[in-house]
Amino acid sequence: MAIILEEIYEVALHRYNMKLVAGGRGLRNLVDWVHTVEEMDYVSFLKGRELIVTTGIKEKDEEMLECFVKSLYEAGASGLVINVGKYITRVPHSVITYSEEVGFPIFVLPWEVHLVDFNRDLCNLIYKTMQEQDSLETALQKAIFSHKEEQQYMPVLHENQIHKDTEIFMVQCYFPAGGNTQAERNFDNTQFFYRFIRQCQQIFAHKKVQAVVFQKDLYITLIARISPGKERTKIAEEIAQLSQQFSRQKKVYIAIGDEETIVANLWEKYRDLSYLCRWGRKKDKQICQEEELGISKLWLSIDNIKKLEKYREKTLGELERLDRENGSEYIRILKCYLETNGNIGEVATECFLHRNTVSYHLKKISEITGKELNSTKDRSDWYLAYQIDEFLGLI
C-alpha cells in the first residue's frame, strides 16, 4: 500500500514550509509517486494516486488553472502542490472553492524551494514506506501460506507491533473465473483486480488503519489490524458497498472473518473464508459471515478428507448408484424430505410428484438403506452425509 498524503504533508511542512490551502478532506488520499506537470495535455498520462507539483508556467491564468485542477481531480491525482511566486502568486478563490467542494488537497510551496530536492525527498519517503509495507505484506502472506516457518515472518511482524495473539480483521473476496457470455470470458481480470485492490487500500487509508491487501489466484485478501467493534463494522459496510459497484462488471463474493482471528490462526482463517466465498457463490449470497460456516468448520479442520468421502459413500452411495442405473430420484427426494422436516406435501410440491408416489419412494429408500425415516439417528446420518457431499463439492 502507498503512503498517506497526510504523512507527506507532515514532512514537507517542516522541511519545506509547504502549506495546505484547500481540500483538507483529502489528506488521507494515498500517494504512489510525485510528478511535475506543467500543462493540461500531460494529465491524460496519469495513472492515479500521484501528488502533482506545478509552477504554473503554462496554466497561470485563473480560468486555465481551475480547469487544470479539475482535470487532475478527475484523473485520480491525490493532490496538487503549487510552487507560488513567479508564475502563480496566489491560489485563485475559484480553485479553493472547487477543491474544498470535492476534497482535493491544494498546497502552496515557496518559490525559493528547489523542486529537484523537494521531489527527490518525497519520492525517497514514498519508496521507503512502500518497502516497509511490502515487507509486512510478505510476512503476513508467509503467516498464511508457510505458517510453520515462524522465523521467516514473526521478526517482521514484531517490528510492526504485531504478535501471534494480535487481533486481526480479515476479509476474503472471491471473483469466479469464466462466465456465460463472450464478454465475461474475455474480461480483463488483471486490470479489474488492480482497480479493486486500490479502492480497498483507500478505504483503509481513510480510516488510517494498518492494512495489507493482496491477490492470490481468484481471491483478494484484506488483512487489517483492527480490534472488534464499530470500526470493523463500518469498514465491512464500505467494502460491501464497493463490491456492489464492482459487481456490475464481475460478480464478487465476500466472506468476513469473526472476532477470533489472530496471527496464529491466519492460515486456518484464509482456508475457511475461501471456502465460505465458494459456498456463498453456490447459495447466491454475496456477503457471508464466518459464523455461517456452521458444521463445515468441522469438516475443514479434518486433514484426512478420505474419511469424509467414505462416510458419504457409505450413507448415500447405494441410492446414488440406483439413481444412475434406473433414472430414479431417491437422492433428491430424500434430501427434500430432510430439508422440509418430513413434510410429505412439501416434498410432493418441490419434486412435482403425487403424495402417494413420495410415500412409496420414501418406503423404498428405507428398505434399500436399512434406515428408518422416523429415527432421529438415521435422519441425522443422512443429513450429515448431504452436508459432507455439499462440502466436498466446494473444496
Protein backbone atom coordinates (compact mmCIF):
# COMPACT_ATOMS: atom_id res chain seq x y z
CA MET A 1 0.00 0.00 0.00
CA ALA A 2 1.20 3.54 -0.77
CA ILE A 3 1.80 6.36 1.70
CA ILE A 4 -0.98 8.61 3.01
CA LEU A 5 -0.82 12.22 1.79
CA GLU A 6 -1.15 13.43 5.38
CA GLU A 7 2.22 11.83 6.22
CA ILE A 8 3.86 13.55 3.26
CA TYR A 9 2.38 16.85 4.36
CA GLU A 10 3.82 16.50 7.88
CA VAL A 11 7.32 16.07 6.41
CA ALA A 12 7.01 18.78 3.74
CA LEU A 13 5.52 21.28 6.22
CA HIS A 14 8.59 21.16 8.44
CA ARG A 15 11.28 20.72 5.78
CA TYR A 16 9.96 22.98 3.04
CA ASN A 17 7.28 25.15 4.66
CA MET A 18 4.61 23.64 2.37
CA LYS A 19 1.11 24.82 3.44
CA LEU A 20 -2.34 23.37 2.86
CA VAL A 21 -4.76 25.98 1.44
CA ALA A 22 -7.80 23.87 0.46
CA GLY A 23 -9.27 20.36 0.25
CA GLY A 24 -8.24 19.09 3.68
CA ARG A 25 -10.81 16.25 3.48
CA GLY A 26 -8.50 14.51 1.01
CA LEU A 27 -5.45 14.38 3.25
CA ARG A 28 -5.86 10.63 3.62
CA ASN A 29 -5.60 10.04 -0.11
CA LEU A 30 -2.92 7.51 -0.97
CA VAL A 31 0.14 8.63 -2.95
CA ASP A 32 2.19 6.35 -5.21
CA TRP A 33 4.62 8.94 -6.55
CA VAL A 34 5.38 12.64 -7.12
CA HIS A 35 5.17 14.14 -10.63
CA THR A 36 5.85 17.59 -12.01
CA VAL A 37 3.20 18.57 -14.57
CA GLU A 38 3.07 21.95 -16.28
CA GLU A 39 0.44 21.55 -18.98
CA MET A 40 -3.04 20.12 -19.37
CA ASP A 41 -2.03 17.72 -22.16
CA TYR A 42 0.09 15.63 -19.79
CA VAL A 43 -2.78 14.95 -17.37
CA SER A 44 -4.11 12.15 -19.58
CA PHE A 45 -0.92 10.17 -18.89
CA LEU A 46 -1.57 9.99 -15.14
CA LYS A 47 -2.47 6.61 -13.64
CA GLY A 48 -3.99 7.98 -10.43
CA ARG A 49 -2.67 8.48 -6.87
CA GLU A 50 0.08 10.91 -7.92
CA LEU A 51 0.95 14.06 -5.99
CA ILE A 52 1.32 16.71 -8.70
CA VAL A 53 3.78 19.60 -8.48
CA THR A 54 3.46 22.64 -10.78
CA THR A 55 4.92 26.13 -11.15
CA GLY A 56 2.08 27.21 -13.42
CA ILE A 57 4.27 28.04 -16.41
CA LYS A 58 1.57 27.01 -18.91
CA GLU A 59 -1.60 27.28 -16.81
CA LYS A 60 -1.06 30.52 -14.94
CA ASP A 61 -4.33 32.40 -15.57
CA GLU A 62 -7.20 31.73 -13.19
CA GLU A 63 -9.55 30.00 -15.62
CA MET A 64 -6.89 27.69 -17.02
CA LEU A 65 -5.62 26.85 -13.53
CA GLU A 66 -9.14 25.90 -12.42
CA CYS A 67 -9.54 23.62 -15.46
CA PHE A 68 -6.13 22.12 -14.66
CA VAL A 69 -7.16 21.34 -11.08
CA LYS A 70 -10.45 19.80 -12.21
CA SER A 71 -8.69 17.60 -14.75
CA LEU A 72 -6.21 16.41 -12.09
CA TYR A 73 -9.02 15.51 -9.71
CA GLU A 74 -10.92 13.64 -12.43
CA ALA A 75 -7.73 11.76 -13.38
CA GLY A 76 -7.45 10.45 -9.81
CA ALA A 77 -4.48 12.53 -8.66
CA SER A 78 -4.03 12.65 -4.87
CA GLY A 79 -3.34 16.37 -4.59
CA LEU A 80 -1.60 19.40 -6.11
CA VAL A 81 1.42 21.38 -4.90
CA ILE A 82 1.71 24.86 -6.44
CA ASN A 83 5.17 26.43 -6.39
CA VAL A 84 3.99 30.02 -5.85
CA GLY A 85 5.96 33.16 -6.61
CA LYS A 86 6.99 33.68 -10.22
CA TYR A 87 4.11 32.42 -12.38
CA ILE A 88 1.34 32.00 -9.81
CA THR A 89 1.40 34.48 -6.94
CA ARG A 90 -1.70 33.21 -5.15
CA VAL A 91 -4.27 30.41 -5.41
CA PRO A 92 -7.47 31.82 -7.00
CA HIS A 93 -10.66 31.79 -4.96
CA SER A 94 -12.44 29.68 -7.61
CA VAL A 95 -9.77 26.97 -7.28
CA ILE A 96 -10.03 26.98 -3.48
CA THR A 97 -13.83 26.76 -3.68
CA TYR A 98 -13.72 23.80 -6.07
CA SER A 99 -11.04 21.99 -4.05
CA GLU A 100 -12.99 22.38 -0.83
CA GLU A 101 -16.13 21.13 -2.54
CA VAL A 102 -14.59 17.89 -3.85
CA GLY A 103 -11.97 17.37 -1.12
CA PHE A 104 -8.96 17.70 -3.42
CA PRO A 105 -5.93 18.94 -1.44
CA ILE A 106 -4.13 22.04 -2.74
CA PHE A 107 -0.79 23.04 -1.21
CA VAL A 108 1.49 26.01 -1.76
CA LEU A 109 5.26 25.77 -1.76
CA PRO A 110 7.57 28.82 -1.53
CA TRP A 111 9.33 29.73 -4.77
CA GLU A 112 12.70 29.53 -3.05
CA VAL A 113 12.36 25.76 -2.63
CA HIS A 114 14.36 23.75 -5.17
CA LEU A 115 11.87 21.36 -6.75
CA VAL A 116 14.60 18.83 -7.51
CA ASP A 117 15.32 18.47 -3.79
CA PHE A 118 11.63 18.54 -2.89
CA ASN A 119 10.68 15.82 -5.39
CA ARG A 120 13.66 13.63 -4.51
CA ASP A 121 12.94 13.82 -0.77
CA LEU A 122 9.28 12.93 -1.14
CA CYS A 123 9.94 10.14 -3.63
CA ASN A 124 12.50 8.65 -1.24
CA LEU A 125 9.94 8.85 1.57
CA ILE A 126 7.33 7.11 -0.58
CA TYR A 127 9.81 4.43 -1.67
CA LYS A 128 10.89 3.73 1.92
CA THR A 129 7.27 3.47 3.09
CA MET A 130 6.37 1.12 0.25
CA GLN A 131 9.36 -1.09 1.07
CA GLU A 132 8.24 -1.36 4.68
CA GLN A 133 4.70 -2.17 3.62
CA ASP A 134 5.88 -4.75 1.11
CA SER A 135 7.86 -6.45 3.91
CA LEU A 136 4.75 -6.51 6.10
CA GLU A 137 2.66 -7.93 3.26
CA THR A 138 5.23 -10.65 2.60
CA ALA A 139 5.35 -11.54 6.30
CA LEU A 140 1.56 -11.83 6.57
CA GLN A 141 1.42 -13.97 3.43
CA LYS A 142 4.03 -16.27 4.95
CA ALA A 143 1.94 -16.46 8.14
CA ILE A 144 -0.81 -17.85 5.91
CA PHE A 145 0.99 -19.99 3.35
CA SER A 146 4.08 -21.02 5.37
CA HIS A 147 2.69 -20.76 8.88
CA LYS A 148 5.03 -23.36 10.37
CA GLU A 149 8.11 -21.33 9.40
CA GLU A 150 7.63 -18.67 12.09
CA GLN A 151 11.24 -17.49 11.92
CA GLN A 152 10.53 -16.24 8.38
CA TYR A 153 7.74 -13.85 9.33
CA MET A 154 7.45 -13.20 13.08
CA PRO A 155 10.50 -10.86 13.30
CA VAL A 156 8.97 -8.54 10.69
CA LEU A 157 5.58 -8.68 12.37
CA HIS A 158 7.18 -7.83 15.74
CA GLU A 159 8.78 -4.77 14.14
CA ASN A 160 5.24 -3.66 13.26
CA GLN A 161 3.97 -4.35 16.81
CA ILE A 162 2.05 -7.40 15.59
CA HIS A 163 2.26 -10.57 17.68
CA LYS A 164 0.83 -14.09 17.47
CA ASP A 165 -2.16 -13.11 19.61
CA THR A 166 -2.79 -9.74 17.92
CA GLU A 167 -6.44 -9.40 16.88
CA ILE A 168 -6.83 -9.26 13.11
CA PHE A 169 -9.72 -8.25 10.85
CA MET A 170 -9.78 -10.48 7.78
CA VAL A 171 -11.97 -10.31 4.68
CA GLN A 172 -11.80 -12.62 1.68
CA CYS A 173 -13.12 -11.60 -1.75
CA TYR A 174 -13.70 -14.20 -4.45
CA PHE A 175 -14.04 -13.50 -8.17
CA PRO A 176 -15.16 -16.67 -10.01
CA ALA A 177 -13.50 -17.30 -13.37
CA GLY A 178 -15.22 -17.51 -16.72
CA GLY A 179 -18.84 -16.77 -17.47
CA ASN A 180 -21.64 -17.48 -19.88
CA THR A 181 -21.07 -14.66 -22.35
CA GLN A 182 -18.12 -13.91 -24.63
CA ALA A 183 -17.60 -10.59 -22.84
CA GLU A 184 -17.30 -12.39 -19.48
CA ARG A 185 -14.83 -14.91 -20.89
CA ASN A 186 -12.69 -12.11 -22.39
CA PHE A 187 -12.84 -10.00 -19.22
CA ASP A 188 -9.54 -8.35 -18.19
CA ASN A 189 -9.09 -9.79 -14.68
CA THR A 190 -5.70 -8.16 -14.13
CA GLN A 191 -7.00 -4.63 -14.65
CA PHE A 192 -10.11 -5.38 -12.59
CA PHE A 193 -8.11 -6.74 -9.65
CA TYR A 194 -5.75 -3.75 -9.83
CA ARG A 195 -8.61 -1.27 -9.51
CA PHE A 196 -10.41 -3.25 -6.78
CA ILE A 197 -7.25 -3.56 -4.67
CA ARG A 198 -6.54 0.18 -4.94
CA GLN A 199 -10.08 1.03 -3.84
CA CYS A 200 -9.81 -1.34 -0.86
CA GLN A 201 -6.47 0.22 0.12
CA GLN A 202 -8.08 3.65 0.04
CA ILE A 203 -10.87 2.51 2.38
CA PHE A 204 -8.28 1.52 5.00
CA ALA A 205 -6.26 4.68 4.37
CA HIS A 206 -9.27 6.90 5.08
CA LYS A 207 -9.60 5.17 8.45
CA LYS A 208 -5.82 5.40 8.96
CA VAL A 209 -5.72 1.66 9.64
CA GLN A 210 -2.64 -0.53 9.17
CA ALA A 211 -3.68 -2.98 6.47
CA VAL A 212 -2.46 -5.29 3.72
CA VAL A 213 -4.39 -6.17 0.57
CA PHE A 214 -3.09 -8.86 -1.79
CA GLN A 215 -4.27 -11.10 -4.59
CA LYS A 216 -3.70 -14.85 -4.99
CA ASP A 217 -5.41 -16.73 -7.79
CA LEU A 218 -9.08 -15.63 -7.85
CA TYR A 219 -9.05 -14.24 -4.30
CA ILE A 220 -8.23 -10.84 -2.89
CA THR A 221 -7.43 -10.94 0.83
CA LEU A 222 -7.76 -7.97 3.16
CA ILE A 223 -5.94 -8.11 6.49
CA ALA A 224 -6.11 -5.19 8.93
CA ARG A 225 -5.08 -4.58 12.49
CA ILE A 226 -8.42 -3.52 13.97
CA SER A 227 -9.90 -4.59 17.29
CA PRO A 228 -13.51 -5.86 17.23
CA GLY A 229 -16.05 -3.05 17.33
CA LYS A 230 -17.81 -0.36 15.32
CA GLU A 231 -14.78 0.42 13.17
CA ARG A 232 -14.79 -3.12 11.77
CA THR A 233 -18.49 -2.86 11.03
CA LYS A 234 -18.04 0.44 9.18
CA ILE A 235 -15.17 -0.89 7.08
CA ALA A 236 -17.09 -4.09 6.29
CA GLU A 237 -20.02 -1.95 5.12
CA GLU A 238 -17.76 0.12 2.88
CA ILE A 239 -16.19 -2.99 1.37
CA ALA A 240 -19.69 -4.38 0.76
CA GLN A 241 -20.70 -1.14 -0.99
CA LEU A 242 -17.54 -1.26 -3.08
CA SER A 243 -18.23 -4.85 -4.10
CA GLN A 244 -21.73 -3.84 -5.20
CA GLN A 245 -20.23 -1.21 -7.51
CA PHE A 246 -17.72 -3.66 -8.97
CA SER A 247 -20.27 -6.47 -9.29
CA ARG A 248 -21.78 -4.64 -12.25
CA GLN A 249 -18.64 -5.74 -14.11
CA LYS A 250 -17.85 -9.01 -12.34
CA LYS A 251 -19.55 -10.95 -9.57
CA VAL A 252 -17.84 -10.64 -6.19
CA TYR A 253 -18.42 -12.93 -3.22
CA ILE A 254 -17.22 -11.77 0.20
CA ALA A 255 -16.54 -13.65 3.44
CA ILE A 256 -15.93 -11.69 6.65
CA GLY A 257 -13.88 -13.23 9.45
CA ASP A 258 -15.03 -13.43 13.06
CA GLU A 259 -13.58 -11.83 16.21
CA GLU A 260 -11.37 -14.84 16.99
CA THR A 261 -8.97 -14.15 14.13
CA ILE A 262 -5.37 -13.68 15.27
CA VAL A 263 -1.97 -14.00 13.60
CA ALA A 264 -1.53 -17.56 14.94
CA ASN A 265 -4.60 -18.85 13.08
CA LEU A 266 -4.47 -16.72 9.92
CA TRP A 267 -3.77 -19.78 7.77
CA GLU A 268 -6.91 -21.51 9.06
CA LYS A 269 -8.99 -18.39 8.57
CA TYR A 270 -7.75 -17.98 5.00
CA ARG A 271 -8.80 -21.57 4.26
CA ASP A 272 -12.18 -21.20 5.95
CA LEU A 273 -13.07 -17.84 4.38
CA SER A 274 -12.03 -19.04 0.92
CA TYR A 275 -14.41 -21.97 1.31
CA LEU A 276 -17.14 -19.66 2.61
CA CYS A 277 -16.79 -17.47 -0.51
CA ARG A 278 -17.39 -20.52 -2.72
CA TRP A 279 -20.31 -21.53 -0.52
CA GLY A 280 -21.75 -18.03 -0.92
CA ARG A 281 -21.48 -18.34 -4.67
CA LYS A 282 -23.39 -21.63 -4.63
CA LYS A 283 -26.10 -20.12 -2.42
CA ASP A 284 -26.08 -16.89 -4.48
CA LYS A 285 -25.25 -14.94 -1.34
CA GLN A 286 -22.81 -12.13 -2.00
CA ILE A 287 -21.72 -11.39 1.60
CA CYS A 288 -21.25 -14.08 4.26
CA GLN A 289 -20.11 -14.00 7.88
CA GLU A 290 -17.76 -16.67 9.21
CA GLU A 291 -20.37 -17.91 11.69
CA GLU A 292 -22.40 -19.14 8.68
CA LEU A 293 -19.84 -21.89 8.11
CA GLY A 294 -21.72 -24.00 10.62
CA ILE A 295 -20.68 -27.63 10.66
CA SER A 296 -18.46 -27.06 7.60
CA LYS A 297 -15.94 -25.54 10.01
CA LEU A 298 -15.57 -29.03 11.49
CA TRP A 299 -15.09 -30.63 8.06
CA LEU A 300 -12.44 -28.03 7.17
CA SER A 301 -10.41 -28.96 10.24
CA ILE A 302 -10.19 -32.62 9.19
CA ASP A 303 -6.90 -33.36 7.45
CA ASN A 304 -7.95 -36.74 6.04
CA ILE A 305 -10.69 -35.89 3.52
CA LYS A 306 -10.95 -39.53 2.51
CA LYS A 307 -12.70 -40.24 5.83
CA LEU A 308 -15.45 -37.83 4.86
CA GLU A 309 -15.69 -39.32 1.37
CA LYS A 310 -16.00 -42.79 2.88
CA TYR A 311 -18.78 -41.68 5.25
CA ARG A 312 -20.73 -40.04 2.41
CA GLU A 313 -20.32 -43.09 0.18
CA LYS A 314 -21.41 -45.47 2.92
CA THR A 315 -24.56 -43.44 3.64
CA LEU A 316 -25.65 -42.29 0.16
CA GLY A 317 -23.65 -44.42 -2.27
CA GLU A 318 -26.28 -47.13 -2.88
CA LEU A 319 -29.03 -44.58 -3.55
CA GLU A 320 -26.75 -42.76 -6.00
CA ARG A 321 -25.98 -46.00 -7.82
CA LEU A 322 -29.67 -46.83 -8.22
CA ASP A 323 -30.44 -43.31 -9.44
CA ARG A 324 -27.74 -43.63 -12.11
CA GLU A 325 -28.83 -47.09 -13.23
CA ASN A 326 -32.62 -46.71 -13.06
CA GLY A 327 -33.21 -42.99 -13.53
CA SER A 328 -34.85 -42.75 -10.10
CA GLU A 329 -34.58 -39.66 -7.87
CA TYR A 330 -34.01 -41.17 -4.46
CA ILE A 331 -31.21 -38.74 -3.59
CA ARG A 332 -33.29 -35.69 -4.47
CA ILE A 333 -36.46 -36.93 -2.72
CA LEU A 334 -34.62 -37.88 0.48
CA LYS A 335 -32.80 -34.56 0.61
CA CYS A 336 -36.04 -32.64 0.14
CA TYR A 337 -37.68 -34.77 2.83
CA LEU A 338 -34.94 -33.92 5.31
CA GLU A 339 -34.93 -30.21 4.44
CA THR A 340 -38.70 -29.94 4.92
CA ASN A 341 -38.63 -31.77 8.26
CA GLY A 342 -40.51 -34.73 6.86
CA ASN A 343 -43.41 -32.77 5.29
CA ILE A 344 -44.72 -35.12 2.57
CA GLY A 345 -46.86 -32.38 1.00
CA GLU A 346 -43.94 -30.02 0.56
CA VAL A 347 -41.79 -32.80 -0.87
CA ALA A 348 -44.53 -33.60 -3.38
CA THR A 349 -44.76 -29.97 -4.44
CA GLU A 350 -40.99 -29.48 -4.65
CA CYS A 351 -40.40 -32.70 -6.62
CA PHE A 352 -43.56 -32.46 -8.79
CA LEU A 353 -44.86 -35.80 -7.54
CA HIS A 354 -48.09 -37.11 -6.04
CA ARG A 355 -48.11 -37.55 -2.26
CA ASN A 356 -48.63 -41.29 -2.61
CA THR A 357 -45.67 -41.52 -5.01
CA VAL A 358 -43.46 -39.69 -2.50
CA SER A 359 -44.55 -42.07 0.26
CA TYR A 360 -43.76 -45.05 -1.97
CA HIS A 361 -40.27 -43.75 -2.79
CA LEU A 362 -39.54 -42.99 0.85
CA LYS A 363 -40.54 -46.52 1.79
CA LYS A 364 -38.20 -47.90 -0.89
CA ILE A 365 -35.36 -45.67 0.41
CA SER A 366 -35.89 -47.11 3.87
CA GLU A 367 -35.79 -50.67 2.53
CA ILE A 368 -32.66 -50.06 0.40
CA THR A 369 -30.64 -48.40 3.16
CA GLY A 370 -31.98 -50.29 6.15
CA LYS A 371 -32.62 -46.99 7.91
CA GLU A 372 -35.84 -45.68 9.46
CA LEU A 373 -37.25 -42.35 8.31
CA ASN A 374 -38.64 -41.56 11.77
CA SER A 375 -35.37 -42.40 13.54
CA THR A 376 -33.52 -39.30 14.74
CA LYS A 377 -30.18 -41.09 14.47
CA ASP A 378 -30.78 -42.32 10.92
CA ARG A 379 -32.07 -38.95 9.75
CA SER A 380 -29.03 -37.30 11.33
CA ASP A 381 -26.74 -39.71 9.46
CA TRP A 382 -28.41 -38.83 6.18
CA TYR A 383 -28.34 -35.12 6.89
CA LEU A 384 -24.62 -35.19 7.73
CA ALA A 385 -23.93 -37.15 4.56
CA TYR A 386 -25.67 -34.46 2.50
CA GLN A 387 -23.70 -31.76 4.31
CA ILE A 388 -20.46 -33.60 3.58
CA ASP A 389 -21.50 -34.05 -0.05
CA GLU A 390 -22.02 -30.28 -0.41
CA PHE A 391 -18.72 -29.62 1.36
CA LEU A 392 -16.74 -31.98 -0.87
CA GLY A 393 -18.19 -30.28 -3.94
CA LEU A 394 -16.73 -26.92 -2.85
CA ILE A 395 -13.22 -27.76 -1.65
